[in-house]
């Protein structure tokens, strides 16, 4: 877990009391697509969090299902 947090980009410094929000499943047609680099970063983190959620923290599974 420490390695995951250490590798996060500097602008990922927020916190939350729950892994989901009221707008977790909302989609918007006008959303801006991620760059190829950001897509790779997102997929890497989703894979790491999937591993972590399956092995250590099942609470995050609903948020992970939406992102994956």
PDB file of N, CA and C in Angstrom:
ATOM      1  N   UNK A   1       0.826  -1.183   0.000  1.00  0.00           N
ATOM      2  CA  UNK A   1       0.000   0.000   0.000  1.00  0.00           C
ATOM      3  C   UNK A   1       0.873   1.250   0.000  1.00  0.00           C
ATOM      4  N   UNK A   2       1.920   1.253   0.782  1.00  0.00           N
ATOM      5  CA  UNK A   2       2.816   2.412   0.816  1.00  0.00           C
ATOM      6  C   UNK A   2       3.423   2.678  -0.559  1.00  0.00           C
ATOM      7  N   UNK A   3       3.818   1.610  -1.268  1.00  0.00           N
ATOM      8  CA  UNK A   3       4.382   1.784  -2.609  1.00  0.00           C
ATOM      9  C   UNK A   3       3.361   2.391  -3.555  1.00  0.00           C
ATOM     10  N   UNK A   4       2.111   1.952  -3.467  1.00  0.00           N
ATOM     11  CA  UNK A   4       1.063   2.513  -4.319  1.00  0.00           C
ATOM     12  C   UNK A   4       0.897   4.001  -4.052  1.00  0.00           C
ATOM     13  N   UNK A   5       0.831   4.374  -2.797  1.00  0.00           N
ATOM     14  CA  UNK A   5       0.654   5.784  -2.453  1.00  0.00           C
ATOM     15  C   UNK A   5       1.867   6.622  -2.835  1.00  0.00           C
ATOM     16  N   UNK A   6       3.040   6.051  -2.689  1.00  0.00           N
ATOM     17  CA  UNK A   6       4.267   6.772  -3.018  1.00  0.00           C
ATOM     18  C   UNK A   6       4.367   7.057  -4.518  1.00  0.00           C
ATOM     19  N   UNK A   7       3.861   6.140  -5.348  1.00  0.00           N
ATOM     20  CA  UNK A   7       3.956   6.276  -6.800  1.00  0.00           C
ATOM     21  C   UNK A   7       2.887   7.171  -7.415  1.00  0.00           C
ATOM     22  N   UNK A   8       1.925   7.614  -6.628  1.00  0.00           N
ATOM     23  CA  UNK A   8       0.877   8.480  -7.165  1.00  0.00           C
ATOM     24  C   UNK A   8       1.452   9.814  -7.627  1.00  0.00           C
ATOM     25  N   UNK A   9       0.858  10.402  -8.681  1.00  0.00           N
ATOM     26  CA  UNK A   9       1.277  11.748  -9.089  1.00  0.00           C
ATOM     27  C   UNK A   9       1.028  12.750  -7.962  1.00  0.00           C
ATOM     28  N   UNK A  10       1.755  13.851  -7.977  1.00  0.00           N
ATOM     29  CA  UNK A  10       1.671  14.853  -6.906  1.00  0.00           C
ATOM     30  C   UNK A  10       0.265  15.434  -6.731  1.00  0.00           C
ATOM     31  N   UNK A  11      -0.512  15.542  -7.829  1.00  0.00           N
ATOM     32  CA  UNK A  11      -1.834  16.160  -7.717  1.00  0.00           C
ATOM     33  C   UNK A  11      -2.911  15.194  -7.206  1.00  0.00           C
ATOM     34  N   UNK A  12      -2.534  13.976  -6.859  1.00  0.00           N
ATOM     35  CA  UNK A  12      -3.449  13.008  -6.270  1.00  0.00           C
ATOM     36  C   UNK A  12      -3.268  13.034  -4.756  1.00  0.00           C
ATOM     37  N   UNK A  13      -3.658  14.090  -4.125  1.00  0.00           N
ATOM     38  CA  UNK A  13      -3.390  14.223  -2.692  1.00  0.00           C
ATOM     39  C   UNK A  13      -4.653  14.404  -1.863  1.00  0.00           C
ATOM     40  N   UNK A  14      -5.820  14.034  -2.379  1.00  0.00           N
ATOM     41  CA  UNK A  14      -7.065  14.201  -1.645  1.00  0.00           C
ATOM     42  C   UNK A  14      -7.362  13.023  -0.737  1.00  0.00           C
ATOM     43  N   UNK A  15      -8.484  13.117  -0.075  1.00  0.00           N
ATOM     44  CA  UNK A  15      -8.922  12.017   0.774  1.00  0.00           C
ATOM     45  C   UNK A  15     -10.444  11.920   0.693  1.00  0.00           C
ATOM     46  N   UNK A  16     -10.979  10.786   1.091  1.00  0.00           N
ATOM     47  CA  UNK A  16     -12.420  10.566   1.076  1.00  0.00           C
ATOM     48  C   UNK A  16     -12.791   9.632   2.213  1.00  0.00           C
ATOM     49  N   UNK A  17     -14.008   9.787   2.712  1.00  0.00           N
ATOM     50  CA  UNK A  17     -14.468   8.915   3.791  1.00  0.00           C
ATOM     51  C   UNK A  17     -15.032   7.610   3.246  1.00  0.00           C
ATOM     52  N   UNK A  18     -15.374   7.596   1.953  1.00  0.00           N
ATOM     53  CA  UNK A  18     -15.915   6.402   1.314  1.00  0.00           C
ATOM     54  C   UNK A  18     -15.381   6.314  -0.114  1.00  0.00           C
ATOM     55  N   UNK A  19     -15.227   5.125  -0.665  1.00  0.00           N
ATOM     56  CA  UNK A  19     -14.695   5.010  -2.028  1.00  0.00           C
ATOM     57  C   UNK A  19     -15.704   5.382  -3.106  1.00  0.00           C
ATOM     58  N   UNK A  20     -16.973   5.544  -2.747  1.00  0.00           N
ATOM     59  CA  UNK A  20     -17.981   5.885  -3.748  1.00  0.00           C
ATOM     60  C   UNK A  20     -18.669   7.201  -3.393  1.00  0.00           C
ATOM     61  N   UNK A  21     -19.287   7.799  -4.384  1.00  0.00           N
ATOM     62  CA  UNK A  21     -20.022   9.041  -4.196  1.00  0.00           C
ATOM     63  C   UNK A  21     -21.384   8.902  -4.863  1.00  0.00           C
ATOM     64  N   UNK A  22     -22.233   9.897  -4.688  1.00  0.00           N
ATOM     65  CA  UNK A  22     -23.570   9.862  -5.278  1.00  0.00           C
ATOM     66  C   UNK A  22     -23.505   9.857  -6.805  1.00  0.00           C
ATOM     67  N   UNK A  23     -22.459  10.409  -7.385  1.00  0.00           N
ATOM     68  CA  UNK A  23     -22.356  10.499  -8.844  1.00  0.00           C
ATOM     69  C   UNK A  23     -21.401   9.449  -9.443  1.00  0.00           C
ATOM     70  N   UNK A  24     -21.121   8.398  -8.723  1.00  0.00           N
ATOM     71  CA  UNK A  24     -20.165   7.382  -9.175  1.00  0.00           C
ATOM     72  C   UNK A  24     -20.555   6.780 -10.523  1.00  0.00           C
ATOM     73  N   UNK A  25     -21.838   6.543 -10.743  1.00  0.00           N
ATOM     74  CA  UNK A  25     -22.271   5.864 -11.964  1.00  0.00           C
ATOM     75  C   UNK A  25     -22.802   6.815 -13.028  1.00  0.00           C
ATOM     76  N   UNK A  26     -22.678   8.117 -12.832  1.00  0.00           N
ATOM     77  CA  UNK A  26     -23.120   9.097 -13.826  1.00  0.00           C
ATOM     78  C   UNK A  26     -22.120   9.182 -14.967  1.00  0.00           C
ATOM     79  N   UNK A  27     -22.624   9.352 -16.181  1.00  0.00           N
ATOM     80  CA  UNK A  27     -21.770   9.563 -17.344  1.00  0.00           C
ATOM     81  C   UNK A  27     -22.196  10.847 -18.036  1.00  0.00           C
ATOM     82  N   UNK A  28     -21.277  11.464 -18.768  1.00  0.00           N
ATOM     83  CA  UNK A  28     -21.536  12.718 -19.455  1.00  0.00           C
ATOM     84  C   UNK A  28     -20.975  12.640 -20.871  1.00  0.00           C
ATOM     85  N   UNK A  29     -21.800  12.971 -21.843  1.00  0.00           N
ATOM     86  CA  UNK A  29     -21.386  12.891 -23.248  1.00  0.00           C
ATOM     87  C   UNK A  29     -20.281  13.889 -23.587  1.00  0.00           C
ATOM     88  N   UNK A  30     -20.199  14.986 -22.850  1.00  0.00           N
ATOM     89  CA  UNK A  30     -19.221  16.033 -23.162  1.00  0.00           C
ATOM     90  C   UNK A  30     -17.910  15.901 -22.380  1.00  0.00           C
ATOM     91  N   UNK A  31     -17.709  14.781 -21.710  1.00  0.00           N
ATOM     92  CA  UNK A  31     -16.446  14.584 -20.988  1.00  0.00           C
ATOM     93  C   UNK A  31     -15.263  14.562 -21.960  1.00  0.00           C
ATOM     94  N   UNK A  32     -14.142  15.110 -21.519  1.00  0.00           N
ATOM     95  CA  UNK A  32     -12.922  15.134 -22.324  1.00  0.00           C
ATOM     96  C   UNK A  32     -12.215  13.787 -22.184  1.00  0.00           C
ATOM     97  N   UNK A  33     -11.767  13.223 -23.304  1.00  0.00           N
ATOM     98  CA  UNK A  33     -11.058  11.944 -23.263  1.00  0.00           C
ATOM     99  C   UNK A  33      -9.665  12.136 -22.681  1.00  0.00           C
ATOM    100  N   UNK A  34      -9.181  11.103 -22.026  1.00  0.00           N
ATOM    101  CA  UNK A  34      -7.836  11.133 -21.457  1.00  0.00           C
ATOM    102  C   UNK A  34      -6.793  10.984 -22.560  1.00  0.00           C
ATOM    103  N   UNK A  35      -5.634  11.560 -22.323  1.00  0.00           N
ATOM    104  CA  UNK A  35      -4.519  11.361 -23.245  1.00  0.00           C
ATOM    105  C   UNK A  35      -4.064   9.905 -23.153  1.00  0.00           C
ATOM    106  N   UNK A  36      -3.276   9.459 -24.131  1.00  0.00           N
ATOM    107  CA  UNK A  36      -2.776   8.083 -24.103  1.00  0.00           C
ATOM    108  C   UNK A  36      -1.978   7.811 -22.832  1.00  0.00           C
ATOM    109  N   UNK A  37      -1.179   8.780 -22.421  1.00  0.00           N
ATOM    110  CA  UNK A  37      -0.369   8.622 -21.201  1.00  0.00           C
ATOM    111  C   UNK A  37      -1.276   8.503 -19.972  1.00  0.00           C
ATOM    112  N   UNK A  38      -2.310   9.342 -19.899  1.00  0.00           N
ATOM    113  CA  UNK A  38      -3.229   9.275 -18.761  1.00  0.00           C
ATOM    114  C   UNK A  38      -4.049   7.992 -18.779  1.00  0.00           C
ATOM    115  N   UNK A  39      -4.401   7.491 -19.972  1.00  0.00           N
ATOM    116  CA  UNK A  39      -5.111   6.215 -20.066  1.00  0.00           C
ATOM    117  C   UNK A  39      -4.247   5.084 -19.524  1.00  0.00           C
ATOM    118  N   UNK A  40      -2.977   5.088 -19.892  1.00  0.00           N
ATOM    119  CA  UNK A  40      -2.058   4.059 -19.393  1.00  0.00           C
ATOM    120  C   UNK A  40      -1.940   4.129 -17.875  1.00  0.00           C
ATOM    121  N   UNK A  41      -1.835   5.359 -17.347  1.00  0.00           N
ATOM    122  CA  UNK A  41      -1.742   5.544 -15.896  1.00  0.00           C
ATOM    123  C   UNK A  41      -3.010   5.035 -15.214  1.00  0.00           C
ATOM    124  N   UNK A  42      -4.165   5.376 -15.773  1.00  0.00           N
ATOM    125  CA  UNK A  42      -5.429   4.926 -15.193  1.00  0.00           C
ATOM    126  C   UNK A  42      -5.518   3.406 -15.200  1.00  0.00           C
ATOM    127  N   UNK A  43      -5.189   2.779 -16.311  1.00  0.00           N
ATOM    128  CA  UNK A  43      -5.262   1.320 -16.384  1.00  0.00           C
ATOM    129  C   UNK A  43      -4.293   0.657 -15.415  1.00  0.00           C
ATOM    130  N   UNK A  44      -3.118   1.237 -15.257  1.00  0.00           N
ATOM    131  CA  UNK A  44      -2.151   0.702 -14.297  1.00  0.00           C
ATOM    132  C   UNK A  44      -2.710   0.762 -12.884  1.00  0.00           C
ATOM    133  N   UNK A  45      -3.280   1.901 -12.506  1.00  0.00           N
ATOM    134  CA  UNK A  45      -3.814   2.059 -11.159  1.00  0.00           C
ATOM    135  C   UNK A  45      -5.038   1.205 -10.916  1.00  0.00           C
ATOM    136  N   UNK A  46      -5.897   1.059 -11.933  1.00  0.00           N
ATOM    137  CA  UNK A  46      -7.056   0.187 -11.776  1.00  0.00           C
ATOM    138  C   UNK A  46      -6.597  -1.249 -11.539  1.00  0.00           C
ATOM    139  N   UNK A  47      -5.587  -1.694 -12.279  1.00  0.00           N
ATOM    140  CA  UNK A  47      -5.067  -3.051 -12.088  1.00  0.00           C
ATOM    141  C   UNK A  47      -4.466  -3.217 -10.691  1.00  0.00           C
ATOM    142  N   UNK A  48      -3.717  -2.235 -10.235  1.00  0.00           N
ATOM    143  CA  UNK A  48      -3.124  -2.316  -8.897  1.00  0.00           C
ATOM    144  C   UNK A  48      -4.199  -2.318  -7.818  1.00  0.00           C
ATOM    145  N   UNK A  49      -5.212  -1.471  -7.979  1.00  0.00           N
ATOM    146  CA  UNK A  49      -6.287  -1.416  -6.992  1.00  0.00           C
ATOM    147  C   UNK A  49      -7.154  -2.673  -7.034  1.00  0.00           C
ATOM    148  N   UNK A  50      -7.320  -3.254  -8.227  1.00  0.00           N
ATOM    149  CA  UNK A  50      -8.038  -4.516  -8.342  1.00  0.00           C
ATOM    150  C   UNK A  50      -7.330  -5.592  -7.526  1.00  0.00           C
ATOM    151  N   UNK A  51      -6.032  -5.681  -7.695  1.00  0.00           N
ATOM    152  CA  UNK A  51      -5.254  -6.647  -6.923  1.00  0.00           C
ATOM    153  C   UNK A  51      -5.415  -6.385  -5.427  1.00  0.00           C
ATOM    154  N   UNK A  52      -5.273  -5.130  -5.030  1.00  0.00           N
ATOM    155  CA  UNK A  52      -5.384  -4.770  -3.615  1.00  0.00           C
ATOM    156  C   UNK A  52      -6.782  -5.055  -3.075  1.00  0.00           C
ATOM    157  N   UNK A  53      -7.809  -4.720  -3.856  1.00  0.00           N
ATOM    158  CA  UNK A  53      -9.181  -4.922  -3.358  1.00  0.00           C
ATOM    159  C   UNK A  53      -9.517  -6.393  -3.215  1.00  0.00           C
ATOM    160  N   UNK A  54      -9.005  -7.204  -4.105  1.00  0.00           N
ATOM    161  CA  UNK A  54      -9.282  -8.633  -4.015  1.00  0.00           C
ATOM    162  C   UNK A  54      -8.505  -9.287  -2.878  1.00  0.00           C
ATOM    163  N   UNK A  55      -7.341  -8.752  -2.560  1.00  0.00           N
ATOM    164  CA  UNK A  55      -6.479  -9.385  -1.561  1.00  0.00           C
ATOM    165  C   UNK A  55      -6.634  -8.795  -0.160  1.00  0.00           C
ATOM    166  N   UNK A  56      -6.919  -7.489  -0.072  1.00  0.00           N
ATOM    167  CA  UNK A  56      -6.855  -6.860   1.242  1.00  0.00           C
ATOM    168  C   UNK A  56      -8.093  -6.059   1.637  1.00  0.00           C
ATOM    169  N   UNK A  57      -8.689  -5.336   0.694  1.00  0.00           N
ATOM    170  CA  UNK A  57      -9.743  -4.398   1.070  1.00  0.00           C
ATOM    171  C   UNK A  57     -10.971  -4.576   0.165  1.00  0.00           C
ATOM    172  N   UNK A  58     -11.847  -5.532   0.436  1.00  0.00           N
ATOM    173  CA  UNK A  58     -13.014  -5.767  -0.415  1.00  0.00           C
ATOM    174  C   UNK A  58     -13.992  -4.589  -0.451  1.00  0.00           C
ATOM    175  N   UNK A  59     -13.908  -3.653   0.485  1.00  0.00           N
ATOM    176  CA  UNK A  59     -14.794  -2.492   0.522  1.00  0.00           C
ATOM    177  C   UNK A  59     -14.726  -1.675  -0.765  1.00  0.00           C
ATOM    178  N   UNK A  60     -13.574  -1.637  -1.429  1.00  0.00           N
ATOM    179  CA  UNK A  60     -13.390  -0.813  -2.618  1.00  0.00           C
ATOM    180  C   UNK A  60     -13.912  -1.461  -3.893  1.00  0.00           C
ATOM    181  N   UNK A  61     -14.488  -2.640  -3.807  1.00  0.00           N
ATOM    182  CA  UNK A  61     -14.848  -3.386  -4.995  1.00  0.00           C
ATOM    183  C   UNK A  61     -15.907  -2.679  -5.854  1.00  0.00           C
ATOM    184  N   UNK A  62     -16.894  -2.003  -5.279  1.00  0.00           N
ATOM    185  CA  UNK A  62     -17.926  -1.353  -6.091  1.00  0.00           C
ATOM    186  C   UNK A  62     -17.331  -0.186  -6.898  1.00  0.00           C
ATOM    187  N   UNK A  63     -16.463   0.584  -6.292  1.00  0.00           N
ATOM    188  CA  UNK A  63     -15.810   1.669  -7.031  1.00  0.00           C
ATOM    189  C   UNK A  63     -14.898   1.118  -8.103  1.00  0.00           C
ATOM    190  N   UNK A  64     -14.192   0.048  -7.811  1.00  0.00           N
ATOM    191  CA  UNK A  64     -13.306  -0.562  -8.785  1.00  0.00           C
ATOM    192  C   UNK A  64     -14.083  -1.131  -9.954  1.00  0.00           C
ATOM    193  N   UNK A  65     -15.247  -1.704  -9.720  1.00  0.00           N
ATOM    194  CA  UNK A  65     -16.051  -2.249 -10.802  1.00  0.00           C
ATOM    195  C   UNK A  65     -16.445  -1.160 -11.794  1.00  0.00           C
ATOM    196  N   UNK A  66     -16.727   0.005 -11.309  1.00  0.00           N
ATOM    197  CA  UNK A  66     -17.125   1.114 -12.180  1.00  0.00           C
ATOM    198  C   UNK A  66     -15.929   1.612 -12.993  1.00  0.00           C
ATOM    199  N   UNK A  67     -14.773   1.699 -12.392  1.00  0.00           N
ATOM    200  CA  UNK A  67     -13.588   2.217 -13.087  1.00  0.00           C
ATOM    201  C   UNK A  67     -12.983   1.202 -14.043  1.00  0.00           C
ATOM    202  N   UNK A  68     -13.095  -0.067 -13.720  1.00  0.00           N
ATOM    203  CA  UNK A  68     -12.480  -1.116 -14.530  1.00  0.00           C
ATOM    204  C   UNK A  68     -13.306  -1.403 -15.709  1.00  0.00           C
TER     205      UNK A  68
END
